[in-house]
N, C-alpha and C. Protein backbone atom coordinates (compact mmCIF):
# COMPACT_ATOMS: atom_id res chain seq x y z
N MET A 1 -92.82 13.39 -46.22
CA MET A 1 -93.36 12.95 -44.93
C MET A 1 -93.60 14.15 -44.01
N ARG A 2 -92.69 15.11 -44.06
CA ARG A 2 -92.86 16.29 -43.21
C ARG A 2 -94.01 17.17 -43.70
N MET A 3 -94.28 17.13 -44.98
CA MET A 3 -95.43 17.88 -45.49
C MET A 3 -96.73 17.20 -45.08
N ILE A 4 -96.78 15.89 -45.17
CA ILE A 4 -97.99 15.16 -44.78
C ILE A 4 -98.29 15.38 -43.29
N THR A 5 -97.24 15.43 -42.47
CA THR A 5 -97.42 15.59 -41.03
C THR A 5 -97.58 17.04 -40.61
N GLY A 6 -97.42 17.97 -41.55
CA GLY A 6 -97.66 19.38 -41.25
C GLY A 6 -96.46 20.16 -40.76
N PHE A 7 -95.27 19.56 -40.81
CA PHE A 7 -94.08 20.27 -40.35
C PHE A 7 -93.49 21.17 -41.43
N LEU A 8 -93.82 20.90 -42.68
CA LEU A 8 -93.42 21.74 -43.80
C LEU A 8 -94.65 22.06 -44.63
N SER A 9 -94.73 23.29 -45.12
CA SER A 9 -95.85 23.66 -45.98
C SER A 9 -95.51 23.34 -47.43
N PRO A 10 -96.37 22.61 -48.14
CA PRO A 10 -96.09 22.31 -49.55
C PRO A 10 -96.23 23.55 -50.42
N THR A 11 -95.42 23.64 -51.46
CA THR A 11 -95.52 24.76 -52.40
C THR A 11 -96.48 24.42 -53.54
N SER A 12 -96.76 23.13 -53.73
CA SER A 12 -97.73 22.71 -54.75
C SER A 12 -98.21 21.31 -54.41
N GLY A 13 -99.22 20.87 -55.12
CA GLY A 13 -99.76 19.52 -54.90
C GLY A 13 -100.64 19.47 -53.67
N SER A 14 -101.09 18.27 -53.35
CA SER A 14 -101.95 18.10 -52.18
C SER A 14 -101.76 16.71 -51.58
N ALA A 15 -102.11 16.59 -50.32
CA ALA A 15 -102.10 15.29 -49.63
C ALA A 15 -103.34 15.23 -48.76
N ARG A 16 -103.96 14.08 -48.73
CA ARG A 16 -105.19 13.91 -47.95
C ARG A 16 -105.07 12.72 -47.02
N ILE A 17 -105.62 12.87 -45.85
CA ILE A 17 -105.74 11.77 -44.90
C ILE A 17 -107.23 11.60 -44.63
N ASN A 18 -107.77 10.47 -45.08
CA ASN A 18 -109.22 10.23 -44.97
C ASN A 18 -110.03 11.43 -45.49
N ASN A 19 -109.65 11.92 -46.65
CA ASN A 19 -110.33 13.03 -47.33
C ASN A 19 -110.13 14.41 -46.71
N TYR A 20 -109.29 14.52 -45.67
CA TYR A 20 -108.96 15.83 -45.14
C TYR A 20 -107.64 16.28 -45.76
N ASP A 21 -107.68 17.40 -46.47
CA ASP A 21 -106.47 17.97 -47.06
C ASP A 21 -105.58 18.48 -45.93
N VAL A 22 -104.29 18.09 -45.95
CA VAL A 22 -103.40 18.44 -44.84
C VAL A 22 -103.12 19.94 -44.76
N SER A 23 -103.31 20.67 -45.87
CA SER A 23 -103.12 22.12 -45.86
C SER A 23 -104.40 22.86 -45.49
N GLU A 24 -105.53 22.38 -46.00
CA GLU A 24 -106.80 23.08 -45.78
C GLU A 24 -107.46 22.71 -44.45
N LYS A 25 -107.27 21.46 -44.01
CA LYS A 25 -107.86 21.00 -42.75
C LYS A 25 -106.78 20.31 -41.91
N PRO A 26 -105.75 21.06 -41.51
CA PRO A 26 -104.59 20.43 -40.84
C PRO A 26 -104.92 19.76 -39.51
N VAL A 27 -105.78 20.37 -38.71
CA VAL A 27 -106.09 19.78 -37.39
C VAL A 27 -106.83 18.46 -37.57
N GLU A 28 -107.84 18.47 -38.44
CA GLU A 28 -108.62 17.25 -38.68
C GLU A 28 -107.73 16.14 -39.24
N ALA A 29 -106.82 16.51 -40.15
CA ALA A 29 -105.92 15.52 -40.75
C ALA A 29 -104.98 14.93 -39.70
N ARG A 30 -104.45 15.78 -38.85
CA ARG A 30 -103.46 15.30 -37.85
C ARG A 30 -104.08 14.42 -36.78
N THR A 31 -105.37 14.61 -36.50
CA THR A 31 -106.01 13.74 -35.51
C THR A 31 -106.08 12.30 -36.00
N LEU A 32 -105.95 12.11 -37.31
CA LEU A 32 -106.04 10.77 -37.91
C LEU A 32 -104.66 10.18 -38.20
N LEU A 33 -103.63 10.83 -37.69
CA LEU A 33 -102.26 10.46 -38.06
C LEU A 33 -101.42 10.20 -36.81
N GLY A 34 -100.60 9.15 -36.88
CA GLY A 34 -99.58 8.92 -35.87
C GLY A 34 -98.22 9.13 -36.52
N TYR A 35 -97.31 9.79 -35.83
CA TYR A 35 -96.02 10.15 -36.42
C TYR A 35 -94.88 9.78 -35.49
N LEU A 36 -93.93 9.01 -36.03
CA LEU A 36 -92.70 8.70 -35.31
C LEU A 36 -91.54 9.26 -36.11
N PRO A 37 -91.01 10.44 -35.72
CA PRO A 37 -89.88 10.99 -36.47
C PRO A 37 -88.60 10.25 -36.16
N GLU A 38 -87.61 10.41 -37.02
CA GLU A 38 -86.28 9.86 -36.74
C GLU A 38 -85.75 10.57 -35.50
N ASN A 39 -85.07 9.83 -34.62
CA ASN A 39 -84.58 10.40 -33.35
C ASN A 39 -85.72 11.10 -32.61
N ALA A 40 -86.80 10.37 -32.43
CA ALA A 40 -88.01 10.94 -31.82
C ALA A 40 -87.72 11.51 -30.43
N PRO A 41 -88.22 12.71 -30.16
CA PRO A 41 -87.99 13.32 -28.85
C PRO A 41 -88.89 12.73 -27.78
N SER A 42 -88.40 12.76 -26.56
CA SER A 42 -89.21 12.37 -25.41
C SER A 42 -88.66 13.11 -24.20
N TYR A 43 -89.29 12.94 -23.07
CA TYR A 43 -88.82 13.58 -21.83
C TYR A 43 -88.16 12.52 -20.96
N GLY A 44 -86.83 12.55 -20.91
CA GLY A 44 -86.07 11.50 -20.25
C GLY A 44 -86.35 11.33 -18.77
N ASP A 45 -86.74 12.41 -18.08
CA ASP A 45 -86.99 12.30 -16.65
C ASP A 45 -88.38 11.74 -16.34
N MET A 46 -89.23 11.65 -17.35
CA MET A 46 -90.55 11.03 -17.15
C MET A 46 -90.42 9.51 -17.22
N THR A 47 -91.29 8.82 -16.50
CA THR A 47 -91.39 7.38 -16.70
C THR A 47 -92.15 7.14 -18.00
N VAL A 48 -92.10 5.90 -18.47
CA VAL A 48 -92.83 5.55 -19.69
C VAL A 48 -94.31 5.88 -19.54
N GLU A 49 -94.89 5.51 -18.40
CA GLU A 49 -96.32 5.75 -18.18
C GLU A 49 -96.63 7.24 -18.09
N GLU A 50 -95.76 8.01 -17.43
CA GLU A 50 -95.97 9.46 -17.35
C GLU A 50 -95.93 10.10 -18.73
N PHE A 51 -94.99 9.64 -19.57
CA PHE A 51 -94.88 10.19 -20.92
C PHE A 51 -96.14 9.89 -21.73
N LEU A 52 -96.65 8.66 -21.60
CA LEU A 52 -97.87 8.30 -22.33
C LEU A 52 -99.09 9.02 -21.75
N SER A 53 -99.08 9.29 -20.45
CA SER A 53 -100.17 10.08 -19.83
C SER A 53 -100.15 11.50 -20.39
N PHE A 54 -98.96 12.06 -20.53
CA PHE A 54 -98.80 13.39 -21.11
C PHE A 54 -99.32 13.39 -22.55
N ALA A 55 -98.92 12.37 -23.34
CA ALA A 55 -99.37 12.27 -24.73
C ALA A 55 -100.89 12.11 -24.80
N ALA A 56 -101.45 11.33 -23.89
CA ALA A 56 -102.91 11.13 -23.86
C ALA A 56 -103.62 12.45 -23.57
N ALA A 57 -103.09 13.22 -22.62
CA ALA A 57 -103.70 14.51 -22.29
C ALA A 57 -103.64 15.46 -23.49
N MET A 58 -102.51 15.44 -24.20
CA MET A 58 -102.37 16.30 -25.38
C MET A 58 -103.36 15.90 -26.48
N ARG A 59 -103.74 14.63 -26.49
CA ARG A 59 -104.71 14.14 -27.47
C ARG A 59 -106.16 14.30 -26.99
N GLY A 60 -106.32 14.83 -25.77
CA GLY A 60 -107.67 15.10 -25.26
C GLY A 60 -108.30 13.97 -24.49
N PHE A 61 -107.53 12.94 -24.15
CA PHE A 61 -108.07 11.83 -23.37
C PHE A 61 -107.97 12.13 -21.88
N ARG A 62 -109.00 11.78 -21.13
CA ARG A 62 -109.03 12.02 -19.69
C ARG A 62 -109.56 10.78 -18.96
N GLY A 63 -109.27 10.71 -17.68
CA GLY A 63 -109.85 9.72 -16.79
C GLY A 63 -109.73 8.28 -17.26
N LYS A 64 -110.85 7.57 -17.19
CA LYS A 64 -110.88 6.14 -17.51
C LYS A 64 -110.46 5.87 -18.95
N THR A 65 -110.88 6.73 -19.87
CA THR A 65 -110.53 6.56 -21.28
C THR A 65 -109.02 6.65 -21.47
N ALA A 66 -108.40 7.63 -20.82
CA ALA A 66 -106.94 7.79 -20.92
C ALA A 66 -106.23 6.57 -20.34
N ARG A 67 -106.68 6.13 -19.16
CA ARG A 67 -106.05 4.97 -18.53
C ARG A 67 -106.15 3.73 -19.40
N HIS A 68 -107.32 3.55 -20.04
CA HIS A 68 -107.52 2.39 -20.93
C HIS A 68 -106.58 2.47 -22.13
N ARG A 69 -106.50 3.66 -22.75
CA ARG A 69 -105.61 3.83 -23.90
C ARG A 69 -104.16 3.55 -23.54
N ILE A 70 -103.73 4.06 -22.40
CA ILE A 70 -102.34 3.89 -21.96
C ILE A 70 -102.05 2.42 -21.71
N SER A 71 -102.94 1.75 -20.98
CA SER A 71 -102.74 0.33 -20.67
C SER A 71 -102.69 -0.51 -21.94
N GLU A 72 -103.62 -0.25 -22.86
CA GLU A 72 -103.66 -0.99 -24.11
C GLU A 72 -102.40 -0.77 -24.94
N THR A 73 -101.91 0.47 -24.96
CA THR A 73 -100.73 0.80 -25.75
C THR A 73 -99.47 0.21 -25.13
N LEU A 74 -99.38 0.21 -23.81
CA LEU A 74 -98.24 -0.43 -23.13
C LEU A 74 -98.16 -1.91 -23.52
N ASP A 75 -99.32 -2.57 -23.55
CA ASP A 75 -99.36 -3.99 -23.94
C ASP A 75 -98.93 -4.18 -25.39
N LYS A 76 -99.49 -3.35 -26.29
CA LYS A 76 -99.20 -3.48 -27.72
C LYS A 76 -97.72 -3.31 -28.02
N CYS A 77 -97.08 -2.41 -27.28
CA CYS A 77 -95.67 -2.08 -27.55
C CYS A 77 -94.71 -2.81 -26.62
N PHE A 78 -95.22 -3.78 -25.86
CA PHE A 78 -94.39 -4.59 -24.96
C PHE A 78 -93.58 -3.71 -24.01
N LEU A 79 -94.29 -2.78 -23.36
CA LEU A 79 -93.64 -1.83 -22.45
C LEU A 79 -94.12 -1.96 -21.01
N THR A 80 -95.02 -2.91 -20.75
CA THR A 80 -95.60 -3.03 -19.41
C THR A 80 -94.53 -3.23 -18.34
N SER A 81 -93.49 -3.99 -18.65
CA SER A 81 -92.45 -4.29 -17.65
C SER A 81 -91.60 -3.07 -17.29
N VAL A 82 -91.62 -2.03 -18.14
CA VAL A 82 -90.80 -0.84 -17.86
C VAL A 82 -91.67 0.40 -17.68
N ARG A 83 -92.96 0.21 -17.44
CA ARG A 83 -93.90 1.34 -17.39
C ARG A 83 -93.52 2.37 -16.34
N ASN A 84 -92.87 1.95 -15.24
CA ASN A 84 -92.51 2.88 -14.16
C ASN A 84 -91.04 3.29 -14.18
N GLN A 85 -90.38 3.01 -15.27
CA GLN A 85 -88.95 3.32 -15.39
C GLN A 85 -88.77 4.65 -16.12
N PRO A 86 -87.83 5.52 -15.64
CA PRO A 86 -87.56 6.75 -16.37
C PRO A 86 -87.05 6.45 -17.78
N ILE A 87 -87.50 7.20 -18.76
CA ILE A 87 -87.13 6.95 -20.15
C ILE A 87 -85.62 7.02 -20.35
N GLU A 88 -84.95 7.94 -19.64
CA GLU A 88 -83.51 8.10 -19.82
C GLU A 88 -82.71 6.88 -19.39
N THR A 89 -83.32 5.97 -18.61
CA THR A 89 -82.62 4.77 -18.16
C THR A 89 -82.84 3.57 -19.09
N LEU A 90 -83.68 3.75 -20.10
CA LEU A 90 -84.03 2.64 -20.99
C LEU A 90 -82.98 2.44 -22.09
N SER A 91 -82.95 1.23 -22.64
CA SER A 91 -82.13 0.97 -23.83
C SER A 91 -82.74 1.70 -25.01
N LYS A 92 -81.96 1.82 -26.10
CA LYS A 92 -82.47 2.52 -27.28
C LYS A 92 -83.72 1.84 -27.83
N GLY A 93 -83.76 0.51 -27.79
CA GLY A 93 -84.93 -0.21 -28.28
C GLY A 93 -86.20 0.13 -27.51
N TYR A 94 -86.09 0.19 -26.18
CA TYR A 94 -87.25 0.54 -25.36
C TYR A 94 -87.63 2.00 -25.55
N ARG A 95 -86.63 2.88 -25.69
CA ARG A 95 -86.95 4.30 -25.93
C ARG A 95 -87.70 4.45 -27.25
N GLN A 96 -87.23 3.71 -28.27
CA GLN A 96 -87.89 3.78 -29.58
C GLN A 96 -89.32 3.27 -29.49
N ARG A 97 -89.52 2.20 -28.74
CA ARG A 97 -90.88 1.66 -28.59
C ARG A 97 -91.77 2.61 -27.79
N THR A 98 -91.18 3.34 -26.85
CA THR A 98 -91.94 4.33 -26.09
C THR A 98 -92.43 5.44 -27.01
N CYS A 99 -91.55 5.90 -27.89
CA CYS A 99 -91.93 6.95 -28.85
C CYS A 99 -92.94 6.41 -29.87
N PHE A 100 -92.78 5.15 -30.24
CA PHE A 100 -93.76 4.49 -31.12
C PHE A 100 -95.12 4.45 -30.43
N ALA A 101 -95.10 4.17 -29.12
CA ALA A 101 -96.34 4.07 -28.35
C ALA A 101 -97.12 5.39 -28.37
N GLN A 102 -96.41 6.52 -28.25
CA GLN A 102 -97.14 7.80 -28.28
C GLN A 102 -97.76 8.04 -29.66
N ALA A 103 -97.14 7.48 -30.71
CA ALA A 103 -97.66 7.67 -32.06
C ALA A 103 -98.95 6.88 -32.31
N ILE A 104 -99.14 5.80 -31.58
CA ILE A 104 -100.33 4.96 -31.81
C ILE A 104 -101.36 5.05 -30.69
N LEU A 105 -101.06 5.83 -29.67
CA LEU A 105 -101.92 5.92 -28.49
C LEU A 105 -103.37 6.22 -28.83
N HIS A 106 -103.60 7.09 -29.82
CA HIS A 106 -104.96 7.51 -30.17
C HIS A 106 -105.56 6.63 -31.27
N ASP A 107 -104.88 5.51 -31.58
CA ASP A 107 -105.36 4.54 -32.56
C ASP A 107 -105.67 5.17 -33.91
N PRO A 108 -104.68 5.86 -34.51
CA PRO A 108 -104.93 6.54 -35.78
C PRO A 108 -105.02 5.56 -36.94
N PRO A 109 -105.77 5.91 -37.99
CA PRO A 109 -105.86 5.01 -39.15
C PRO A 109 -104.62 5.06 -40.04
N ALA A 110 -103.75 6.08 -39.84
CA ALA A 110 -102.54 6.20 -40.67
C ALA A 110 -101.34 6.47 -39.78
N LEU A 111 -100.21 5.83 -40.13
CA LEU A 111 -98.96 6.01 -39.40
C LEU A 111 -97.86 6.42 -40.36
N ILE A 112 -97.02 7.36 -39.92
CA ILE A 112 -95.83 7.73 -40.68
C ILE A 112 -94.63 7.53 -39.76
N LEU A 113 -93.72 6.67 -40.20
CA LEU A 113 -92.56 6.29 -39.40
C LEU A 113 -91.28 6.59 -40.16
N ASP A 114 -90.40 7.37 -39.56
CA ASP A 114 -89.16 7.76 -40.21
C ASP A 114 -88.00 6.98 -39.59
N GLU A 115 -87.42 6.07 -40.36
CA GLU A 115 -86.30 5.23 -39.90
C GLU A 115 -86.61 4.60 -38.53
N PRO A 116 -87.69 3.83 -38.43
CA PRO A 116 -88.13 3.34 -37.11
C PRO A 116 -87.19 2.36 -36.43
N THR A 117 -86.26 1.73 -37.16
CA THR A 117 -85.36 0.76 -36.52
C THR A 117 -83.90 1.23 -36.53
N GLU A 118 -83.68 2.49 -36.84
CA GLU A 118 -82.33 3.04 -36.90
C GLU A 118 -81.60 2.84 -35.58
N GLY A 119 -80.43 2.21 -35.64
CA GLY A 119 -79.59 2.05 -34.46
C GLY A 119 -80.00 0.95 -33.50
N LEU A 120 -80.99 0.15 -33.86
CA LEU A 120 -81.43 -0.92 -32.97
C LEU A 120 -80.65 -2.19 -33.25
N ASP A 121 -80.49 -3.03 -32.21
CA ASP A 121 -79.82 -4.31 -32.42
C ASP A 121 -80.80 -5.28 -33.08
N PRO A 122 -80.31 -6.43 -33.57
CA PRO A 122 -81.19 -7.34 -34.32
C PRO A 122 -82.45 -7.77 -33.56
N ASN A 123 -82.35 -8.00 -32.26
CA ASN A 123 -83.53 -8.41 -31.49
C ASN A 123 -84.55 -7.28 -31.41
N GLN A 124 -84.06 -6.05 -31.19
CA GLN A 124 -84.96 -4.91 -31.11
C GLN A 124 -85.62 -4.64 -32.46
N LYS A 125 -84.83 -4.80 -33.55
CA LYS A 125 -85.40 -4.63 -34.89
C LYS A 125 -86.52 -5.62 -35.13
N PHE A 126 -86.31 -6.85 -34.71
CA PHE A 126 -87.30 -7.91 -34.89
C PHE A 126 -88.62 -7.52 -34.23
N VAL A 127 -88.53 -7.01 -32.99
CA VAL A 127 -89.74 -6.63 -32.25
C VAL A 127 -90.46 -5.49 -32.96
N VAL A 128 -89.71 -4.44 -33.36
CA VAL A 128 -90.32 -3.27 -34.00
C VAL A 128 -90.92 -3.65 -35.36
N ARG A 129 -90.22 -4.49 -36.12
CA ARG A 129 -90.77 -4.92 -37.42
C ARG A 129 -92.07 -5.67 -37.24
N ASN A 130 -92.14 -6.54 -36.25
CA ASN A 130 -93.38 -7.28 -35.99
C ASN A 130 -94.51 -6.34 -35.59
N MET A 131 -94.17 -5.31 -34.80
CA MET A 131 -95.18 -4.34 -34.41
C MET A 131 -95.72 -3.62 -35.64
N ILE A 132 -94.83 -3.23 -36.55
CA ILE A 132 -95.25 -2.53 -37.76
C ILE A 132 -96.13 -3.44 -38.62
N ARG A 133 -95.70 -4.71 -38.76
CA ARG A 133 -96.50 -5.67 -39.55
C ARG A 133 -97.90 -5.84 -38.98
N ASP A 134 -97.99 -5.93 -37.64
CA ASP A 134 -99.30 -6.08 -37.00
C ASP A 134 -100.17 -4.84 -37.24
N MET A 135 -99.57 -3.66 -37.11
CA MET A 135 -100.32 -2.42 -37.32
C MET A 135 -100.82 -2.32 -38.77
N ALA A 136 -100.00 -2.77 -39.70
CA ALA A 136 -100.32 -2.63 -41.13
C ALA A 136 -101.54 -3.46 -41.53
N LYS A 137 -101.97 -4.40 -40.69
CA LYS A 137 -103.17 -5.17 -40.99
C LYS A 137 -104.42 -4.29 -40.91
N GLN A 138 -104.34 -3.22 -40.11
CA GLN A 138 -105.52 -2.38 -39.88
C GLN A 138 -105.30 -0.92 -40.24
N LYS A 139 -104.06 -0.53 -40.55
CA LYS A 139 -103.75 0.87 -40.78
C LYS A 139 -102.93 1.05 -42.05
N ALA A 140 -102.98 2.27 -42.59
CA ALA A 140 -102.05 2.63 -43.66
C ALA A 140 -100.74 3.04 -42.99
N VAL A 141 -99.65 2.39 -43.37
CA VAL A 141 -98.35 2.69 -42.75
C VAL A 141 -97.37 3.10 -43.84
N ILE A 142 -96.80 4.29 -43.68
CA ILE A 142 -95.74 4.75 -44.56
C ILE A 142 -94.49 4.86 -43.70
N PHE A 143 -93.42 4.21 -44.14
CA PHE A 143 -92.18 4.44 -43.40
C PHE A 143 -91.00 4.54 -44.34
N SER A 144 -90.05 5.36 -43.94
CA SER A 144 -88.84 5.52 -44.75
C SER A 144 -87.72 4.72 -44.11
N THR A 145 -86.89 4.15 -44.95
CA THR A 145 -85.75 3.40 -44.46
C THR A 145 -84.67 3.32 -45.53
N HIS A 146 -83.43 3.22 -45.07
CA HIS A 146 -82.32 2.95 -45.98
C HIS A 146 -81.86 1.50 -45.82
N ILE A 147 -82.57 0.76 -44.97
CA ILE A 147 -82.23 -0.64 -44.71
C ILE A 147 -83.12 -1.49 -45.61
N LEU A 148 -82.55 -1.98 -46.71
CA LEU A 148 -83.37 -2.64 -47.72
C LEU A 148 -83.93 -3.98 -47.28
N GLU A 149 -83.29 -4.64 -46.32
CA GLU A 149 -83.84 -5.89 -45.80
C GLU A 149 -85.19 -5.64 -45.12
N GLU A 150 -85.38 -4.42 -44.60
CA GLU A 150 -86.66 -4.08 -43.99
C GLU A 150 -87.76 -3.97 -45.04
N VAL A 151 -87.40 -3.46 -46.19
CA VAL A 151 -88.37 -3.34 -47.28
C VAL A 151 -88.90 -4.73 -47.62
N GLU A 152 -87.97 -5.68 -47.71
CA GLU A 152 -88.35 -7.06 -48.03
C GLU A 152 -89.17 -7.68 -46.91
N ALA A 153 -88.79 -7.38 -45.65
CA ALA A 153 -89.42 -8.02 -44.50
C ALA A 153 -90.80 -7.48 -44.19
N ILE A 154 -91.06 -6.21 -44.51
CA ILE A 154 -92.28 -5.57 -44.04
C ILE A 154 -93.20 -5.09 -45.15
N CYS A 155 -92.64 -4.53 -46.22
CA CYS A 155 -93.43 -3.74 -47.16
C CYS A 155 -94.23 -4.57 -48.17
N THR A 156 -95.40 -4.06 -48.51
CA THR A 156 -96.17 -4.61 -49.63
C THR A 156 -95.98 -3.73 -50.87
N ARG A 157 -95.46 -2.54 -50.67
CA ARG A 157 -95.20 -1.61 -51.77
C ARG A 157 -93.95 -0.81 -51.45
N ALA A 158 -93.07 -0.64 -52.43
CA ALA A 158 -91.83 0.10 -52.22
C ALA A 158 -91.74 1.23 -53.24
N ILE A 159 -91.44 2.41 -52.75
CA ILE A 159 -91.22 3.57 -53.62
C ILE A 159 -89.78 4.02 -53.41
N ILE A 160 -89.03 4.10 -54.48
CA ILE A 160 -87.65 4.57 -54.42
C ILE A 160 -87.62 5.98 -54.99
N ILE A 161 -87.05 6.90 -54.22
CA ILE A 161 -86.96 8.30 -54.63
C ILE A 161 -85.50 8.67 -54.81
N SER A 162 -85.20 9.30 -55.92
CA SER A 162 -83.84 9.79 -56.18
C SER A 162 -83.91 11.24 -56.64
N LYS A 163 -83.19 12.10 -55.97
CA LYS A 163 -83.13 13.53 -56.31
C LYS A 163 -84.53 14.13 -56.41
N GLY A 164 -85.40 13.72 -55.50
CA GLY A 164 -86.73 14.30 -55.45
C GLY A 164 -87.74 13.70 -56.39
N SER A 165 -87.35 12.72 -57.20
CA SER A 165 -88.28 12.09 -58.14
C SER A 165 -88.46 10.61 -57.83
N ILE A 166 -89.67 10.11 -58.06
CA ILE A 166 -89.95 8.69 -57.89
C ILE A 166 -89.34 7.94 -59.07
N VAL A 167 -88.45 6.99 -58.78
CA VAL A 167 -87.82 6.21 -59.85
C VAL A 167 -88.30 4.76 -59.86
N ALA A 168 -89.01 4.35 -58.83
CA ALA A 168 -89.61 3.00 -58.80
C ALA A 168 -90.80 3.02 -57.86
N ASP A 169 -91.82 2.26 -58.21
CA ASP A 169 -93.02 2.17 -57.38
C ASP A 169 -93.69 0.84 -57.68
N SER A 170 -93.39 -0.17 -56.88
CA SER A 170 -93.99 -1.50 -57.10
C SER A 170 -93.78 -2.36 -55.86
N ALA A 171 -94.27 -3.57 -55.93
CA ALA A 171 -94.07 -4.52 -54.83
C ALA A 171 -92.59 -4.91 -54.76
N PRO A 172 -92.04 -5.13 -53.58
CA PRO A 172 -90.64 -5.55 -53.47
C PRO A 172 -90.33 -6.79 -54.30
N ALA A 173 -91.28 -7.73 -54.38
CA ALA A 173 -91.05 -8.95 -55.17
C ALA A 173 -90.85 -8.62 -56.64
N GLU A 174 -91.58 -7.64 -57.14
CA GLU A 174 -91.43 -7.23 -58.54
C GLU A 174 -90.07 -6.56 -58.77
N LEU A 175 -89.65 -5.74 -57.83
CA LEU A 175 -88.33 -5.12 -57.94
C LEU A 175 -87.23 -6.17 -57.94
N LYS A 176 -87.43 -7.22 -57.14
CA LYS A 176 -86.40 -8.27 -57.04
C LYS A 176 -86.25 -9.08 -58.32
N GLN A 177 -87.22 -9.01 -59.21
CA GLN A 177 -87.08 -9.69 -60.50
C GLN A 177 -85.98 -9.06 -61.35
N GLN A 178 -85.60 -7.82 -60.98
CA GLN A 178 -84.52 -7.12 -61.70
C GLN A 178 -83.16 -7.33 -61.04
N GLY A 179 -83.12 -8.09 -59.95
CA GLY A 179 -81.88 -8.31 -59.20
C GLY A 179 -82.16 -8.12 -57.72
N SER A 180 -81.10 -8.15 -56.89
CA SER A 180 -81.30 -7.93 -55.46
C SER A 180 -81.77 -6.48 -55.25
N LEU A 181 -82.43 -6.24 -54.13
CA LEU A 181 -82.90 -4.89 -53.85
C LEU A 181 -81.74 -3.90 -53.78
N ASP A 182 -80.60 -4.35 -53.25
CA ASP A 182 -79.41 -3.49 -53.22
C ASP A 182 -79.01 -3.07 -54.63
N GLU A 183 -78.96 -4.05 -55.54
CA GLU A 183 -78.56 -3.77 -56.92
C GLU A 183 -79.56 -2.83 -57.60
N VAL A 184 -80.84 -3.11 -57.43
CA VAL A 184 -81.87 -2.29 -58.05
C VAL A 184 -81.81 -0.87 -57.51
N PHE A 185 -81.65 -0.74 -56.19
CA PHE A 185 -81.58 0.58 -55.58
C PHE A 185 -80.38 1.37 -56.12
N ARG A 186 -79.22 0.72 -56.15
CA ARG A 186 -78.01 1.40 -56.64
C ARG A 186 -78.18 1.83 -58.09
N ARG A 187 -78.71 0.93 -58.91
CA ARG A 187 -78.86 1.24 -60.32
C ARG A 187 -79.82 2.42 -60.53
N LEU A 188 -80.93 2.40 -59.83
CA LEU A 188 -81.93 3.45 -60.01
C LEU A 188 -81.51 4.80 -59.42
N THR A 189 -80.78 4.76 -58.34
CA THR A 189 -80.43 6.03 -57.70
C THR A 189 -79.15 6.63 -58.21
N THR A 190 -78.38 5.86 -58.98
CA THR A 190 -77.16 6.44 -59.54
C THR A 190 -77.31 6.79 -61.01
N THR A 191 -78.36 6.29 -61.68
CA THR A 191 -78.53 6.60 -63.10
C THR A 191 -79.76 7.42 -63.40
N ALA A 192 -80.59 7.65 -62.37
CA ALA A 192 -81.86 8.35 -62.64
C ALA A 192 -81.65 9.83 -62.86
N ASP A 193 -82.36 10.37 -63.88
CA ASP A 193 -82.41 11.82 -64.07
C ASP A 193 -83.47 12.38 -63.14
N VAL A 194 -83.36 13.64 -62.81
CA VAL A 194 -84.34 14.27 -61.92
C VAL A 194 -85.75 14.19 -62.50
N GLY A 195 -85.86 14.31 -63.82
CA GLY A 195 -87.19 14.42 -64.41
C GLY A 195 -87.83 13.11 -64.81
N GLY A 196 -87.20 11.96 -64.64
CA GLY A 196 -87.85 10.77 -65.17
C GLY A 196 -87.38 9.49 -64.53
N VAL A 197 -87.95 8.41 -64.98
CA VAL A 197 -87.67 7.08 -64.46
C VAL A 197 -86.48 6.50 -65.22
N ALA A 198 -85.59 5.86 -64.47
CA ALA A 198 -84.42 5.22 -65.12
C ALA A 198 -84.87 4.11 -66.02
N GLN A 199 -84.19 3.92 -67.14
CA GLN A 199 -84.51 2.86 -68.09
C GLN A 199 -83.57 1.68 -67.87
């Protein structure tokens, strides 16, 4: 995920976002990508709207276009009621949604989300999962999680990686034919060799 987003340089292989190679055309690739890292940073003394205004300016939006993007994103992320509140005063769920909002502000065709519901209570998880499901209707969404119920609730495709190798790649329903996702995950990640798929 860090290689796709440009935070790490790959030593081999390639990744493309809408035909732009992330190593050869990094700026073009990143303009098409929204990224929500785990423990996403923000500026606590800014209000939600100020933070999104800052993100809009960094993305090159100005004037009426910026205001439209911010307003639309506040609505999408259910942040309108806290738009004038400093980020440091928000609950973890609202802070997470604020950081999610900056990732989608420019309406990218691809999203990468790292542990997007980590530390959220059940109600907050429900809201974020629904947001991801809605986005996935129109965008390619990759997210990492260790919460297997999320895989079942959101994903159309699940990839399990163990020791740097892919040990499973299929629909969650297909994985469940081998047992619960917990059982399948444990079996694959404790018996897989680095070089191959577990049998």
